[in-house]
Amino acid sequence: MKHNRIVIAVSIIGLAALILMLNVTSPTEIGPFGVLLFFTTVYLVSFGFMVFLIYSFFKIAFKKQVSSNKLYLYAAIMAFAPIMLMMARSFGAINLWTVSLITIFITLAEFLVYKKV
């Protein structure tokens, strides 16, 4: 699949940028654009990881090929979970209630994709 190669390449470039950003700068000197870039690269890396994870899950568990559109939609929703967890961590609100609400949100969004697509 040509699209998977692009996703892998973008994820590796995002991981390299993320590692570089974490080693070279600090949060106080990076500014608002740097924070946006940080969260974007975290999302791209987690999106690539989720594509690989969901593709592997469907291949092993169901022994069938999932369509690219569904695979990318599932991965896009799942990749947003680390961003929400980091947001909750920045507010200092990581507890069982927060994690359960994030899990419910992700589950409902995945169910919507399952039913609509």
N, C-alpha and C. Protein backbone atom coordinates (compact mmCIF):
# COMPACT_ATOMS: atom_id res chain seq x y z
N MET A 1 0.83 -1.18 0.00
CA MET A 1 0.00 0.00 0.00
C MET A 1 0.88 1.25 0.00
N LYS A 2 0.63 2.09 -0.96
CA LYS A 2 1.42 3.31 -1.10
C LYS A 2 1.14 4.27 0.05
N HIS A 3 -0.11 4.33 0.49
CA HIS A 3 -0.46 5.25 1.57
C HIS A 3 0.24 4.90 2.87
N ASN A 4 0.39 3.61 3.14
CA ASN A 4 1.07 3.22 4.38
C ASN A 4 2.52 3.65 4.38
N ARG A 5 3.16 3.64 3.24
CA ARG A 5 4.54 4.12 3.17
C ARG A 5 4.62 5.61 3.49
N ILE A 6 3.66 6.35 3.01
CA ILE A 6 3.63 7.79 3.29
C ILE A 6 3.39 8.03 4.78
N VAL A 7 2.48 7.28 5.38
CA VAL A 7 2.20 7.42 6.80
C VAL A 7 3.44 7.06 7.62
N ILE A 8 4.12 6.00 7.24
CA ILE A 8 5.34 5.59 7.96
C ILE A 8 6.41 6.66 7.82
N ALA A 9 6.60 7.18 6.62
CA ALA A 9 7.62 8.22 6.41
C ALA A 9 7.31 9.48 7.20
N VAL A 10 6.06 9.91 7.20
CA VAL A 10 5.68 11.11 7.94
C VAL A 10 5.84 10.89 9.45
N SER A 11 5.52 9.69 9.91
CA SER A 11 5.68 9.38 11.33
C SER A 11 7.14 9.36 11.75
N ILE A 12 8.00 8.82 10.92
CA ILE A 12 9.44 8.80 11.24
C ILE A 12 10.02 10.20 11.22
N ILE A 13 9.62 11.02 10.25
CA ILE A 13 10.07 12.41 10.21
C ILE A 13 9.55 13.17 11.43
N GLY A 14 8.29 12.91 11.80
CA GLY A 14 7.73 13.55 12.99
C GLY A 14 8.43 13.12 14.26
N LEU A 15 8.80 11.84 14.35
CA LEU A 15 9.53 11.35 15.52
C LEU A 15 10.90 12.00 15.61
N ALA A 16 11.57 12.13 14.47
CA ALA A 16 12.88 12.79 14.46
C ALA A 16 12.75 14.25 14.88
N ALA A 17 11.73 14.93 14.38
CA ALA A 17 11.51 16.33 14.76
C ALA A 17 11.17 16.45 16.24
N LEU A 18 10.40 15.50 16.75
CA LEU A 18 10.03 15.50 18.16
C LEU A 18 11.24 15.28 19.06
N ILE A 19 12.08 14.33 18.70
CA ILE A 19 13.29 14.07 19.47
C ILE A 19 14.22 15.29 19.42
N LEU A 20 14.35 15.87 18.25
CA LEU A 20 15.18 17.07 18.11
C LEU A 20 14.63 18.22 18.95
N MET A 21 13.33 18.39 18.90
CA MET A 21 12.70 19.48 19.65
C MET A 21 12.86 19.28 21.15
N LEU A 22 12.75 18.05 21.63
CA LEU A 22 12.87 17.79 23.06
C LEU A 22 14.30 17.94 23.55
N ASN A 23 15.27 17.71 22.69
CA ASN A 23 16.67 17.81 23.10
C ASN A 23 17.27 19.20 22.92
N VAL A 24 16.73 19.99 22.02
CA VAL A 24 17.34 21.28 21.70
C VAL A 24 16.68 22.45 22.44
N THR A 25 15.39 22.41 22.62
CA THR A 25 14.69 23.56 23.17
C THR A 25 14.07 23.24 24.53
N SER A 26 13.58 24.27 25.18
CA SER A 26 12.82 24.12 26.43
C SER A 26 11.43 24.72 26.21
N PRO A 27 10.46 24.35 27.02
CA PRO A 27 9.10 24.87 26.82
C PRO A 27 9.00 26.39 26.94
N THR A 28 9.87 27.00 27.72
CA THR A 28 9.77 28.45 27.89
C THR A 28 10.30 29.22 26.68
N GLU A 29 11.26 28.66 25.97
CA GLU A 29 11.84 29.39 24.84
C GLU A 29 11.25 28.99 23.49
N ILE A 30 10.37 28.02 23.47
CA ILE A 30 9.88 27.54 22.18
C ILE A 30 8.72 28.40 21.65
N GLY A 31 7.92 28.96 22.53
CA GLY A 31 6.84 29.85 22.11
C GLY A 31 5.59 29.11 21.68
N PRO A 32 4.53 29.84 21.32
CA PRO A 32 3.25 29.24 20.95
C PRO A 32 3.33 28.38 19.69
N PHE A 33 4.08 28.85 18.69
CA PHE A 33 4.19 28.07 17.46
C PHE A 33 4.92 26.75 17.72
N GLY A 34 5.90 26.77 18.58
CA GLY A 34 6.62 25.55 18.94
C GLY A 34 5.74 24.56 19.68
N VAL A 35 4.86 25.07 20.53
CA VAL A 35 3.93 24.19 21.24
C VAL A 35 2.97 23.54 20.25
N LEU A 36 2.49 24.33 19.30
CA LEU A 36 1.63 23.78 18.25
C LEU A 36 2.37 22.72 17.43
N LEU A 37 3.61 23.00 17.10
CA LEU A 37 4.43 22.04 16.37
C LEU A 37 4.67 20.77 17.18
N PHE A 38 4.87 20.93 18.49
CA PHE A 38 5.07 19.78 19.37
C PHE A 38 3.84 18.87 19.35
N PHE A 39 2.66 19.45 19.56
CA PHE A 39 1.45 18.64 19.59
C PHE A 39 1.14 18.03 18.23
N THR A 40 1.47 18.73 17.16
CA THR A 40 1.27 18.18 15.82
C THR A 40 2.18 16.98 15.58
N THR A 41 3.43 17.09 15.99
CA THR A 41 4.34 15.96 15.79
C THR A 41 3.97 14.78 16.68
N VAL A 42 3.51 15.05 17.90
CA VAL A 42 3.03 13.95 18.76
C VAL A 42 1.85 13.25 18.10
N TYR A 43 0.94 14.04 17.52
CA TYR A 43 -0.21 13.44 16.84
C TYR A 43 0.24 12.62 15.63
N LEU A 44 1.16 13.13 14.84
CA LEU A 44 1.62 12.39 13.66
C LEU A 44 2.30 11.08 14.03
N VAL A 45 3.10 11.11 15.08
CA VAL A 45 3.78 9.89 15.53
C VAL A 45 2.76 8.89 16.07
N SER A 46 1.82 9.36 16.88
CA SER A 46 0.82 8.44 17.41
C SER A 46 -0.12 7.94 16.31
N PHE A 47 -0.37 8.75 15.29
CA PHE A 47 -1.19 8.30 14.16
C PHE A 47 -0.49 7.16 13.42
N GLY A 48 0.79 7.30 13.16
CA GLY A 48 1.53 6.23 12.50
C GLY A 48 1.56 4.96 13.33
N PHE A 49 1.74 5.11 14.64
CA PHE A 49 1.74 3.95 15.53
C PHE A 49 0.38 3.28 15.55
N MET A 50 -0.69 4.07 15.57
CA MET A 50 -2.04 3.51 15.60
C MET A 50 -2.40 2.82 14.29
N VAL A 51 -1.93 3.36 13.16
CA VAL A 51 -2.16 2.69 11.88
C VAL A 51 -1.53 1.31 11.90
N PHE A 52 -0.29 1.24 12.37
CA PHE A 52 0.40 -0.05 12.46
C PHE A 52 -0.32 -0.98 13.43
N LEU A 53 -0.74 -0.47 14.58
CA LEU A 53 -1.39 -1.29 15.59
C LEU A 53 -2.74 -1.81 15.11
N ILE A 54 -3.55 -0.96 14.53
CA ILE A 54 -4.87 -1.38 14.06
C ILE A 54 -4.76 -2.32 12.87
N TYR A 55 -3.83 -2.04 11.96
CA TYR A 55 -3.61 -2.94 10.82
C TYR A 55 -3.20 -4.33 11.31
N SER A 56 -2.30 -4.37 12.28
CA SER A 56 -1.86 -5.65 12.84
C SER A 56 -3.00 -6.36 13.55
N PHE A 57 -3.81 -5.60 14.29
CA PHE A 57 -4.93 -6.20 15.01
C PHE A 57 -5.92 -6.84 14.05
N PHE A 58 -6.30 -6.14 12.99
CA PHE A 58 -7.24 -6.70 12.04
C PHE A 58 -6.65 -7.90 11.32
N LYS A 59 -5.37 -7.85 11.04
CA LYS A 59 -4.71 -8.94 10.32
C LYS A 59 -4.65 -10.20 11.20
N ILE A 60 -4.34 -10.02 12.50
CA ILE A 60 -4.20 -11.18 13.39
C ILE A 60 -5.55 -11.65 13.92
N ALA A 61 -6.38 -10.74 14.39
CA ALA A 61 -7.63 -11.13 15.05
C ALA A 61 -8.70 -11.59 14.06
N PHE A 62 -8.88 -10.86 12.99
CA PHE A 62 -9.95 -11.17 12.06
C PHE A 62 -9.47 -11.86 10.79
N LYS A 63 -8.15 -11.89 10.60
CA LYS A 63 -7.54 -12.51 9.42
C LYS A 63 -8.14 -11.97 8.12
N LYS A 64 -8.36 -10.67 8.10
CA LYS A 64 -8.87 -10.04 6.89
C LYS A 64 -8.25 -8.67 6.72
N GLN A 65 -8.36 -8.15 5.55
CA GLN A 65 -7.83 -6.84 5.21
C GLN A 65 -8.89 -5.79 5.50
N VAL A 66 -8.52 -4.73 6.16
CA VAL A 66 -9.44 -3.63 6.42
C VAL A 66 -9.20 -2.56 5.35
N SER A 67 -10.25 -1.86 4.97
CA SER A 67 -10.11 -0.84 3.94
C SER A 67 -9.26 0.32 4.48
N SER A 68 -8.58 0.99 3.58
CA SER A 68 -7.70 2.09 3.97
C SER A 68 -8.46 3.22 4.64
N ASN A 69 -9.64 3.53 4.11
CA ASN A 69 -10.41 4.63 4.69
C ASN A 69 -10.78 4.36 6.14
N LYS A 70 -11.27 3.15 6.42
CA LYS A 70 -11.64 2.80 7.78
C LYS A 70 -10.42 2.75 8.68
N LEU A 71 -9.35 2.20 8.16
CA LEU A 71 -8.12 2.10 8.94
C LEU A 71 -7.64 3.48 9.37
N TYR A 72 -7.64 4.42 8.45
CA TYR A 72 -7.16 5.77 8.76
C TYR A 72 -8.13 6.51 9.70
N LEU A 73 -9.42 6.27 9.56
CA LEU A 73 -10.38 6.90 10.47
C LEU A 73 -10.24 6.36 11.89
N TYR A 74 -10.12 5.03 12.01
CA TYR A 74 -9.90 4.44 13.33
C TYR A 74 -8.62 4.98 13.96
N ALA A 75 -7.56 5.04 13.17
CA ALA A 75 -6.26 5.51 13.68
C ALA A 75 -6.30 6.99 14.04
N ALA A 76 -7.01 7.80 13.26
CA ALA A 76 -7.09 9.23 13.55
C ALA A 76 -7.78 9.48 14.88
N ILE A 77 -8.79 8.70 15.18
CA ILE A 77 -9.50 8.86 16.45
C ILE A 77 -8.63 8.36 17.60
N MET A 78 -8.02 7.20 17.43
CA MET A 78 -7.19 6.64 18.49
C MET A 78 -5.95 7.50 18.75
N ALA A 79 -5.43 8.15 17.74
CA ALA A 79 -4.23 8.98 17.90
C ALA A 79 -4.51 10.24 18.69
N PHE A 80 -5.76 10.60 18.83
CA PHE A 80 -6.10 11.79 19.58
C PHE A 80 -6.09 11.55 21.09
N ALA A 81 -6.13 10.28 21.51
CA ALA A 81 -6.14 9.94 22.94
C ALA A 81 -4.89 10.44 23.68
N PRO A 82 -3.66 10.24 23.14
CA PRO A 82 -2.50 10.79 23.87
C PRO A 82 -2.52 12.31 23.99
N ILE A 83 -3.06 12.98 23.00
CA ILE A 83 -3.17 14.44 23.07
C ILE A 83 -4.11 14.84 24.21
N MET A 84 -5.24 14.14 24.32
CA MET A 84 -6.17 14.45 25.40
C MET A 84 -5.57 14.13 26.76
N LEU A 85 -4.79 13.04 26.85
CA LEU A 85 -4.15 12.70 28.12
C LEU A 85 -3.09 13.74 28.50
N MET A 86 -2.34 14.23 27.51
CA MET A 86 -1.36 15.28 27.81
C MET A 86 -2.05 16.57 28.24
N MET A 87 -3.19 16.87 27.62
CA MET A 87 -3.94 18.05 28.01
C MET A 87 -4.43 17.92 29.45
N ALA A 88 -4.96 16.75 29.79
CA ALA A 88 -5.42 16.54 31.16
C ALA A 88 -4.25 16.59 32.14
N ARG A 89 -3.11 16.10 31.74
CA ARG A 89 -1.92 16.13 32.60
C ARG A 89 -1.46 17.59 32.82
N SER A 90 -1.57 18.41 31.80
CA SER A 90 -1.16 19.81 31.97
C SER A 90 -2.08 20.55 32.93
N PHE A 91 -3.33 20.12 33.02
CA PHE A 91 -4.24 20.71 34.00
C PHE A 91 -4.10 20.07 35.38
N GLY A 92 -3.34 18.98 35.46
CA GLY A 92 -3.16 18.28 36.72
C GLY A 92 -4.37 17.45 37.10
N ALA A 93 -5.09 16.98 36.10
CA ALA A 93 -6.34 16.27 36.37
C ALA A 93 -6.31 14.82 35.89
N ILE A 94 -5.17 14.17 35.99
CA ILE A 94 -5.12 12.76 35.61
C ILE A 94 -5.59 11.94 36.80
N ASN A 95 -6.76 11.38 36.67
CA ASN A 95 -7.29 10.45 37.66
C ASN A 95 -8.18 9.45 36.93
N LEU A 96 -8.79 8.56 37.67
CA LEU A 96 -9.61 7.52 37.06
C LEU A 96 -10.79 8.12 36.30
N TRP A 97 -11.37 9.17 36.82
CA TRP A 97 -12.51 9.82 36.18
C TRP A 97 -12.13 10.39 34.81
N THR A 98 -11.01 11.06 34.73
CA THR A 98 -10.55 11.66 33.47
C THR A 98 -10.23 10.59 32.44
N VAL A 99 -9.52 9.57 32.86
CA VAL A 99 -9.15 8.49 31.94
C VAL A 99 -10.40 7.76 31.46
N SER A 100 -11.36 7.55 32.33
CA SER A 100 -12.59 6.87 31.91
C SER A 100 -13.39 7.73 30.94
N LEU A 101 -13.42 9.05 31.14
CA LEU A 101 -14.13 9.92 30.20
C LEU A 101 -13.46 9.94 28.83
N ILE A 102 -12.14 9.96 28.82
CA ILE A 102 -11.41 9.91 27.55
C ILE A 102 -11.67 8.58 26.85
N THR A 103 -11.67 7.50 27.61
CA THR A 103 -11.95 6.18 27.04
C THR A 103 -13.36 6.10 26.46
N ILE A 104 -14.33 6.66 27.17
CA ILE A 104 -15.71 6.67 26.67
C ILE A 104 -15.81 7.50 25.39
N PHE A 105 -15.15 8.65 25.36
CA PHE A 105 -15.17 9.50 24.17
C PHE A 105 -14.58 8.78 22.97
N ILE A 106 -13.43 8.15 23.15
CA ILE A 106 -12.77 7.42 22.06
C ILE A 106 -13.63 6.25 21.61
N THR A 107 -14.22 5.53 22.56
CA THR A 107 -15.08 4.38 22.22
C THR A 107 -16.30 4.82 21.43
N LEU A 108 -16.93 5.90 21.84
CA LEU A 108 -18.10 6.40 21.10
C LEU A 108 -17.73 6.87 19.70
N ALA A 109 -16.60 7.53 19.57
CA ALA A 109 -16.17 7.99 18.24
C ALA A 109 -15.84 6.80 17.34
N GLU A 110 -15.19 5.77 17.90
CA GLU A 110 -14.89 4.57 17.11
C GLU A 110 -16.18 3.85 16.71
N PHE A 111 -17.15 3.81 17.60
CA PHE A 111 -18.42 3.19 17.29
C PHE A 111 -19.14 3.94 16.17
N LEU A 112 -19.06 5.26 16.20
CA LEU A 112 -19.66 6.07 15.13
C LEU A 112 -19.02 5.76 13.80
N VAL A 113 -17.71 5.63 13.75
CA VAL A 113 -17.02 5.27 12.50
C VAL A 113 -17.45 3.87 12.05
N TYR A 114 -17.56 2.95 13.01
CA TYR A 114 -17.97 1.58 12.68
C TYR A 114 -19.36 1.55 12.05
N LYS A 115 -20.27 2.35 12.58
CA LYS A 115 -21.64 2.34 12.07
C LYS A 115 -21.82 3.15 10.79
N LYS A 116 -21.11 4.25 10.63
CA LYS A 116 -21.35 5.14 9.49
C LYS A 116 -20.54 4.78 8.24
N VAL A 117 -19.34 4.25 8.42
CA VAL A 117 -18.48 4.01 7.25
C VAL A 117 -18.55 2.56 6.85
